[in-house]
Amino acid sequence: MKYLMLICGPDTEDDPETVAAQMKQITAWMDAQHAAGAIAHPGYQLHPSTTARTIRSSGDGTPMVTDGPFIEAQEVIGGLIVLEHDTIDRAVEAASEWVRINPAWSIEIRPVLD
């Protein structure tokens, strides 16, 4: 079954040395998941939330576009990956490594409807 892995964290940037160390760990994680056949889609890293646009109904069905993310929050979605595992528990186990890499991140795992 496919599971969407939403990667969330603070809307700030870490120093370049920290980012480089984290990327090495993330690359190793991705390589291990690829080797296990558990990556259904490699995913994407997103630009900062300041580049987002949100579209809502104005109430009469007319689209209203605003700058910024869809909610006011301390955490924003930073990227996504689609995993393929037998159970949600296995997907959670695999994704849990991300919070070991950076404790400020949170990961949401959600089954994908086929």
C-alpha atoms as a PDB file:
ATOM      1  CA  MET A   1       0.000   0.000   0.000  1.00  0.00           C
ATOM      2  CA  LYS A   2       1.141   3.543  -0.662  1.00  0.00           C
ATOM      3  CA  TYR A   3       1.548   6.078   2.152  1.00  0.00           C
ATOM      4  CA  LEU A   4       2.083   9.814   1.837  1.00  0.00           C
ATOM      5  CA  MET A   5       4.845  11.064   4.105  1.00  0.00           C
ATOM      6  CA  LEU A   6       4.386  14.784   4.801  1.00  0.00           C
ATOM      7  CA  ILE A   7       7.519  16.368   6.230  1.00  0.00           C
ATOM      8  CA  CYS A   8       6.715  19.321   8.496  1.00  0.00           C
ATOM      9  CA  GLY A   9       8.920  21.628  10.491  1.00  0.00           C
ATOM     10  CA  PRO A  10       9.628  25.158  11.593  1.00  0.00           C
ATOM     11  CA  ASP A  11       9.438  27.828   8.932  1.00  0.00           C
ATOM     12  CA  THR A  12      13.094  28.747   9.451  1.00  0.00           C
ATOM     13  CA  GLU A  13      16.372  27.811   7.825  1.00  0.00           C
ATOM     14  CA  ASP A  14      19.163  26.011   9.683  1.00  0.00           C
ATOM     15  CA  ASP A  15      22.797  26.940   9.259  1.00  0.00           C
ATOM     16  CA  PRO A  16      24.494  25.445   6.159  1.00  0.00           C
ATOM     17  CA  GLU A  17      26.656  23.002   8.157  1.00  0.00           C
ATOM     18  CA  THR A  18      23.609  21.547   9.915  1.00  0.00           C
ATOM     19  CA  VAL A  19      21.725  21.279   6.630  1.00  0.00           C
ATOM     20  CA  ALA A  20      24.682  19.500   4.976  1.00  0.00           C
ATOM     21  CA  ALA A  21      24.904  16.973   7.836  1.00  0.00           C
ATOM     22  CA  GLN A  22      21.156  16.358   7.709  1.00  0.00           C
ATOM     23  CA  MET A  23      21.222  15.909   3.932  1.00  0.00           C
ATOM     24  CA  LYS A  24      23.876  13.184   4.260  1.00  0.00           C
ATOM     25  CA  GLN A  25      21.605  11.322   6.678  1.00  0.00           C
ATOM     26  CA  ILE A  26      18.539  11.864   4.498  1.00  0.00           C
ATOM     27  CA  THR A  27      20.429  10.619   1.427  1.00  0.00           C
ATOM     28  CA  ALA A  28      21.445   7.470   3.314  1.00  0.00           C
ATOM     29  CA  TRP A  29      17.816   6.967   4.395  1.00  0.00           C
ATOM     30  CA  MET A  30      16.568   7.445   0.812  1.00  0.00           C
ATOM     31  CA  ASP A  31      19.190   5.000  -0.516  1.00  0.00           C
ATOM     32  CA  ALA A  32      18.116   2.374   2.048  1.00  0.00           C
ATOM     33  CA  GLN A  33      14.429   2.869   1.209  1.00  0.00           C
ATOM     34  CA  HIS A  34      15.171   2.614  -2.532  1.00  0.00           C
ATOM     35  CA  ALA A  35      17.165  -0.586  -1.971  1.00  0.00           C
ATOM     36  CA  ALA A  36      14.219  -2.045  -0.043  1.00  0.00           C
ATOM     37  CA  GLY A  37      11.785  -1.095  -2.834  1.00  0.00           C
ATOM     38  CA  ALA A  38       9.882   1.146  -0.419  1.00  0.00           C
ATOM     39  CA  ILE A  39       9.969   4.409  -2.378  1.00  0.00           C
ATOM     40  CA  ALA A  40       6.908   4.698  -4.606  1.00  0.00           C
ATOM     41  CA  HIS A  41       7.754   8.313  -5.482  1.00  0.00           C
ATOM     42  CA  PRO A  42      10.965  10.052  -4.421  1.00  0.00           C
ATOM     43  CA  GLY A  43       9.092  13.180  -3.426  1.00  0.00           C
ATOM     44  CA  TYR A  44       9.870  16.848  -3.460  1.00  0.00           C
ATOM     45  CA  GLN A  45      11.335  19.455  -1.183  1.00  0.00           C
ATOM     46  CA  LEU A  46       9.223  22.604  -1.196  1.00  0.00           C
ATOM     47  CA  HIS A  47      10.267  26.242  -1.421  1.00  0.00           C
ATOM     48  CA  PRO A  48       9.659  28.349   1.734  1.00  0.00           C
ATOM     49  CA  SER A  49       6.054  29.012   2.723  1.00  0.00           C
ATOM     50  CA  THR A  50       6.506  32.690   1.828  1.00  0.00           C
ATOM     51  CA  THR A  51       6.289  31.621  -1.837  1.00  0.00           C
ATOM     52  CA  ALA A  52       2.887  29.935  -1.368  1.00  0.00           C
ATOM     53  CA  ARG A  53      -0.472  31.124  -2.617  1.00  0.00           C
ATOM     54  CA  THR A  54      -3.734  29.936  -1.078  1.00  0.00           C
ATOM     55  CA  ILE A  55      -7.025  29.772  -2.953  1.00  0.00           C
ATOM     56  CA  ARG A  56     -10.290  29.824  -1.012  1.00  0.00           C
ATOM     57  CA  SER A  57     -13.884  30.521  -1.817  1.00  0.00           C
ATOM     58  CA  SER A  58     -14.918  34.077  -1.029  1.00  0.00           C
ATOM     59  CA  GLY A  59     -18.274  32.722   0.135  1.00  0.00           C
ATOM     60  CA  ASP A  60     -20.132  33.151  -3.132  1.00  0.00           C
ATOM     61  CA  GLY A  61     -18.045  30.555  -4.982  1.00  0.00           C
ATOM     62  CA  THR A  62     -15.628  33.104  -6.422  1.00  0.00           C
ATOM     63  CA  PRO A  63     -11.994  32.095  -5.916  1.00  0.00           C
ATOM     64  CA  MET A  64     -10.015  34.385  -3.617  1.00  0.00           C
ATOM     65  CA  VAL A  65      -6.207  34.170  -3.753  1.00  0.00           C
ATOM     66  CA  THR A  66      -4.005  35.216  -0.845  1.00  0.00           C
ATOM     67  CA  ASP A  67      -0.260  35.127  -0.311  1.00  0.00           C
ATOM     68  CA  GLY A  68       1.226  32.598   2.069  1.00  0.00           C
ATOM     69  CA  PRO A  69       0.476  29.134   3.378  1.00  0.00           C
ATOM     70  CA  PHE A  70      -3.009  27.768   3.902  1.00  0.00           C
ATOM     71  CA  ILE A  71      -2.859  28.123   7.703  1.00  0.00           C
ATOM     72  CA  GLU A  72      -1.120  30.307  10.239  1.00  0.00           C
ATOM     73  CA  ALA A  73       1.215  27.918  12.033  1.00  0.00           C
ATOM     74  CA  GLN A  74       4.668  27.558  13.494  1.00  0.00           C
ATOM     75  CA  GLU A  75       5.212  24.434  11.348  1.00  0.00           C
ATOM     76  CA  VAL A  76       4.826  24.231   7.596  1.00  0.00           C
ATOM     77  CA  ILE A  77       4.932  21.408   5.074  1.00  0.00           C
ATOM     78  CA  GLY A  78       8.494  21.252   3.793  1.00  0.00           C
ATOM     79  CA  GLY A  79       8.262  18.265   1.488  1.00  0.00           C
ATOM     80  CA  LEU A  80       6.637  14.967   0.670  1.00  0.00           C
ATOM     81  CA  ILE A  81       7.551  11.404  -0.234  1.00  0.00           C
ATOM     82  CA  VAL A  82       5.329   8.481  -1.223  1.00  0.00           C
ATOM     83  CA  LEU A  83       6.338   5.261   0.522  1.00  0.00           C
ATOM     84  CA  GLU A  84       5.212   1.732  -0.276  1.00  0.00           C
ATOM     85  CA  HIS A  85       4.917  -0.638   2.695  1.00  0.00           C
ATOM     86  CA  ASP A  86       2.724  -3.572   3.716  1.00  0.00           C
ATOM     87  CA  THR A  87       1.282  -1.760   6.747  1.00  0.00           C
ATOM     88  CA  ILE A  88       1.062   1.734   8.150  1.00  0.00           C
ATOM     89  CA  ASP A  89       3.179   0.555  11.085  1.00  0.00           C
ATOM     90  CA  ARG A  90       6.031  -0.289   8.697  1.00  0.00           C
ATOM     91  CA  ALA A  91       5.671   3.121   7.020  1.00  0.00           C
ATOM     92  CA  VAL A  92       5.749   4.824  10.429  1.00  0.00           C
ATOM     93  CA  GLU A  93       8.824   2.822  11.399  1.00  0.00           C
ATOM     94  CA  ALA A  94      10.630   3.875   8.214  1.00  0.00           C
ATOM     95  CA  ALA A  95       9.639   7.544   8.496  1.00  0.00           C
ATOM     96  CA  SER A  96      10.542   7.775  12.187  1.00  0.00           C
ATOM     97  CA  GLU A  97      14.203   8.143  11.259  1.00  0.00           C
ATOM     98  CA  TRP A  98      13.451  11.702  10.100  1.00  0.00           C
ATOM     99  CA  VAL A  99      12.715  12.937  13.631  1.00  0.00           C
ATOM    100  CA  ARG A 100      16.000  11.388  14.757  1.00  0.00           C
ATOM    101  CA  ILE A 101      17.748  13.434  12.047  1.00  0.00           C
ATOM    102  CA  ASN A 102      16.008  16.650  13.145  1.00  0.00           C
ATOM    103  CA  PRO A 103      13.857  16.639  16.314  1.00  0.00           C
ATOM    104  CA  ALA A 104      12.173  19.888  15.175  1.00  0.00           C
ATOM    105  CA  TRP A 105      10.509  18.028  12.286  1.00  0.00           C
ATOM    106  CA  SER A 106       7.253  16.138  12.490  1.00  0.00           C
ATOM    107  CA  ILE A 107       6.124  13.549   9.995  1.00  0.00           C
ATOM    108  CA  GLU A 108       2.556  12.745   9.038  1.00  0.00           C
ATOM    109  CA  ILE A 109       1.912   9.356   7.436  1.00  0.00           C
ATOM    110  CA  ARG A 110      -1.368   8.948   5.590  1.00  0.00           C
ATOM    111  CA  PRO A 111      -2.612   6.079   3.394  1.00  0.00           C
ATOM    112  CA  VAL A 112      -3.107   6.998  -0.264  1.00  0.00           C
ATOM    113  CA  LEU A 113      -6.416   6.057  -1.850  1.00  0.00           C
ATOM    114  CA  ASP A 114      -5.997   3.992  -5.001  1.00  0.00           C
END
